[in-house]
């Protein structure tokens, strides 16, 4: 499976990353590479827990551009 994630650098220089289709599936790292590696593990764990609980593996999301 492939998942889209969002990644952003915060004010302290840490990289935060989340997987929007898995609520609460977030991680971080000192480097972008570290953060991306950490979210891979977080996604695996989130999928395991969702499977054990019998809930849908992912939520349906849609990205929409909003002109301002």
N, C-alpha and C. Protein backbone atom coordinates (compact mmCIF):
# COMPACT_ATOMS: atom_id res chain seq x y z
N UNK A 1 0.84 -1.18 0.00
CA UNK A 1 0.00 0.00 0.00
C UNK A 1 0.88 1.24 0.00
N UNK A 2 0.42 2.27 -0.62
CA UNK A 2 1.10 3.56 -0.62
C UNK A 2 0.23 4.58 0.09
N UNK A 3 0.84 5.42 0.89
CA UNK A 3 0.12 6.44 1.64
C UNK A 3 0.73 7.80 1.37
N UNK A 4 -0.12 8.79 1.20
CA UNK A 4 0.35 10.17 1.11
C UNK A 4 0.52 10.70 2.52
N UNK A 5 1.61 11.41 2.74
CA UNK A 5 1.84 12.03 4.05
C UNK A 5 2.15 13.51 3.83
N UNK A 6 1.96 14.27 4.87
CA UNK A 6 2.36 15.67 4.84
C UNK A 6 3.55 15.83 5.78
N UNK A 7 4.48 16.66 5.38
CA UNK A 7 5.67 16.87 6.19
C UNK A 7 5.98 18.36 6.23
N UNK A 8 6.31 18.84 7.41
CA UNK A 8 6.60 20.27 7.58
C UNK A 8 7.63 20.45 8.68
N UNK A 9 8.44 21.45 8.53
CA UNK A 9 9.45 21.78 9.53
C UNK A 9 8.85 22.79 10.50
N UNK A 10 9.01 22.55 11.80
CA UNK A 10 8.44 23.47 12.78
C UNK A 10 9.45 24.55 13.18
N UNK A 11 9.04 25.40 14.09
CA UNK A 11 9.86 26.54 14.51
C UNK A 11 11.18 26.13 15.16
N UNK A 12 11.20 24.91 15.73
CA UNK A 12 12.41 24.41 16.39
C UNK A 12 13.32 23.63 15.45
N UNK A 13 12.93 23.52 14.18
CA UNK A 13 13.74 22.81 13.21
C UNK A 13 13.43 21.32 13.09
N UNK A 14 12.48 20.83 13.89
CA UNK A 14 12.08 19.42 13.81
C UNK A 14 11.15 19.23 12.63
N UNK A 15 11.18 18.06 12.04
CA UNK A 15 10.28 17.72 10.94
C UNK A 15 9.12 16.92 11.51
N UNK A 16 7.91 17.41 11.29
CA UNK A 16 6.70 16.71 11.71
C UNK A 16 6.05 16.12 10.47
N UNK A 17 5.50 14.93 10.62
CA UNK A 17 4.89 14.25 9.48
C UNK A 17 3.62 13.54 9.95
N UNK A 18 2.59 13.57 9.10
CA UNK A 18 1.35 12.88 9.44
C UNK A 18 0.77 12.21 8.22
N UNK A 19 -0.06 11.22 8.48
CA UNK A 19 -0.75 10.49 7.43
C UNK A 19 -2.24 10.80 7.58
N UNK A 20 -2.78 11.69 6.76
CA UNK A 20 -4.16 12.15 6.94
C UNK A 20 -5.23 11.06 6.89
N UNK A 21 -5.02 9.98 6.15
CA UNK A 21 -6.04 8.93 6.07
C UNK A 21 -6.06 8.03 7.29
N UNK A 22 -5.09 8.20 8.18
CA UNK A 22 -5.04 7.45 9.44
C UNK A 22 -5.04 8.45 10.60
N UNK A 23 -6.22 8.80 11.10
CA UNK A 23 -6.29 9.81 12.16
C UNK A 23 -5.36 9.49 13.33
N UNK A 24 -4.60 10.49 13.74
CA UNK A 24 -3.68 10.32 14.87
C UNK A 24 -2.34 9.71 14.50
N UNK A 25 -2.15 9.38 13.25
CA UNK A 25 -0.89 8.76 12.82
C UNK A 25 0.09 9.87 12.47
N UNK A 26 0.91 10.22 13.46
CA UNK A 26 1.88 11.30 13.32
C UNK A 26 3.23 10.85 13.84
N UNK A 27 4.27 11.52 13.40
CA UNK A 27 5.61 11.25 13.90
C UNK A 27 6.47 12.47 13.63
N UNK A 28 7.73 12.38 14.00
CA UNK A 28 8.64 13.49 13.79
C UNK A 28 10.07 12.99 13.74
N UNK A 29 10.97 13.87 13.34
CA UNK A 29 12.38 13.53 13.30
C UNK A 29 13.23 14.78 13.20
N UNK A 30 14.49 14.63 13.54
CA UNK A 30 15.44 15.74 13.45
C UNK A 30 15.71 16.08 11.99
N UNK A 31 15.74 15.05 11.15
CA UNK A 31 15.92 15.26 9.71
C UNK A 31 14.66 14.81 8.99
N UNK A 32 14.53 15.26 7.75
CA UNK A 32 13.38 14.85 6.94
C UNK A 32 13.39 13.33 6.75
N UNK A 33 14.56 12.77 6.50
CA UNK A 33 14.68 11.33 6.30
C UNK A 33 14.28 10.55 7.55
N UNK A 34 14.70 11.04 8.72
CA UNK A 34 14.35 10.40 9.98
C UNK A 34 12.83 10.43 10.20
N UNK A 35 12.23 11.58 9.91
CA UNK A 35 10.78 11.72 10.07
C UNK A 35 10.03 10.78 9.14
N UNK A 36 10.47 10.67 7.90
CA UNK A 36 9.80 9.78 6.95
C UNK A 36 9.96 8.32 7.35
N UNK A 37 11.11 7.95 7.86
CA UNK A 37 11.31 6.59 8.34
C UNK A 37 10.40 6.31 9.54
N UNK A 38 10.28 7.29 10.42
CA UNK A 38 9.45 7.12 11.61
C UNK A 38 7.97 6.99 11.24
N UNK A 39 7.50 7.74 10.23
CA UNK A 39 6.09 7.64 9.86
C UNK A 39 5.80 6.29 9.22
N UNK A 40 6.76 5.71 8.54
CA UNK A 40 6.55 4.36 7.98
C UNK A 40 6.21 3.38 9.09
N UNK A 41 6.97 3.43 10.17
CA UNK A 41 6.71 2.54 11.31
C UNK A 41 5.38 2.89 11.96
N UNK A 42 5.08 4.17 12.09
CA UNK A 42 3.81 4.59 12.70
C UNK A 42 2.63 4.10 11.86
N UNK A 43 2.74 4.17 10.54
CA UNK A 43 1.66 3.68 9.67
C UNK A 43 1.46 2.18 9.86
N UNK A 44 2.55 1.43 9.90
CA UNK A 44 2.43 -0.02 10.12
C UNK A 44 1.71 -0.32 11.42
N UNK A 45 2.10 0.38 12.48
CA UNK A 45 1.47 0.15 13.79
C UNK A 45 0.00 0.57 13.79
N UNK A 46 -0.32 1.69 13.16
CA UNK A 46 -1.71 2.13 13.08
C UNK A 46 -2.56 1.10 12.34
N UNK A 47 -2.04 0.56 11.26
CA UNK A 47 -2.78 -0.45 10.50
C UNK A 47 -2.99 -1.72 11.33
N UNK A 48 -1.99 -2.12 12.10
CA UNK A 48 -2.13 -3.29 12.97
C UNK A 48 -3.25 -3.08 13.98
N UNK A 49 -3.25 -1.92 14.64
CA UNK A 49 -4.25 -1.63 15.66
C UNK A 49 -5.65 -1.57 15.03
N UNK A 50 -5.76 -0.91 13.88
CA UNK A 50 -7.06 -0.81 13.23
C UNK A 50 -7.57 -2.20 12.82
N UNK A 51 -6.67 -3.06 12.36
CA UNK A 51 -7.05 -4.43 12.00
C UNK A 51 -7.54 -5.19 13.23
N UNK A 52 -6.79 -5.09 14.33
CA UNK A 52 -7.17 -5.77 15.57
C UNK A 52 -8.53 -5.31 16.08
N UNK A 53 -8.83 -4.03 15.91
CA UNK A 53 -10.10 -3.48 16.40
C UNK A 53 -11.24 -3.62 15.41
N UNK A 54 -10.93 -4.09 14.21
CA UNK A 54 -11.96 -4.30 13.22
C UNK A 54 -12.53 -3.02 12.62
N UNK A 55 -11.75 -1.96 12.64
CA UNK A 55 -12.21 -0.71 12.03
C UNK A 55 -11.61 -0.58 10.63
N UNK A 56 -12.24 0.23 9.78
CA UNK A 56 -11.68 0.38 8.43
C UNK A 56 -10.22 0.81 8.49
N UNK A 57 -9.43 0.30 7.57
CA UNK A 57 -8.00 0.61 7.60
C UNK A 57 -7.71 2.09 7.39
N UNK A 58 -8.46 2.72 6.50
CA UNK A 58 -8.21 4.14 6.23
C UNK A 58 -9.52 4.89 6.12
N UNK A 59 -9.44 6.20 6.18
CA UNK A 59 -10.57 7.07 5.94
C UNK A 59 -10.45 7.63 4.54
N UNK A 60 -11.57 7.95 3.96
CA UNK A 60 -11.55 8.58 2.64
C UNK A 60 -11.32 10.08 2.83
N UNK A 61 -10.37 10.63 2.12
CA UNK A 61 -10.13 12.06 2.19
C UNK A 61 -10.06 12.62 0.78
N UNK A 62 -10.17 13.93 0.70
CA UNK A 62 -10.09 14.61 -0.57
C UNK A 62 -9.39 15.94 -0.35
N UNK A 63 -8.43 16.24 -1.19
CA UNK A 63 -7.76 17.53 -1.12
C UNK A 63 -8.40 18.46 -2.13
N UNK A 64 -8.75 19.64 -1.67
CA UNK A 64 -9.39 20.64 -2.52
C UNK A 64 -8.63 21.94 -2.38
N UNK A 65 -8.32 22.53 -3.50
CA UNK A 65 -7.65 23.82 -3.50
C UNK A 65 -8.68 24.93 -3.29
N UNK A 66 -8.39 25.81 -2.35
CA UNK A 66 -9.30 26.89 -2.04
C UNK A 66 -8.65 28.21 -2.42
N UNK A 67 -9.19 28.90 -3.41
CA UNK A 67 -8.59 30.19 -3.81
C UNK A 67 -8.92 31.28 -2.78
N UNK A 68 -7.94 32.09 -2.50
CA UNK A 68 -8.13 33.20 -1.55
C UNK A 68 -7.60 34.47 -2.18
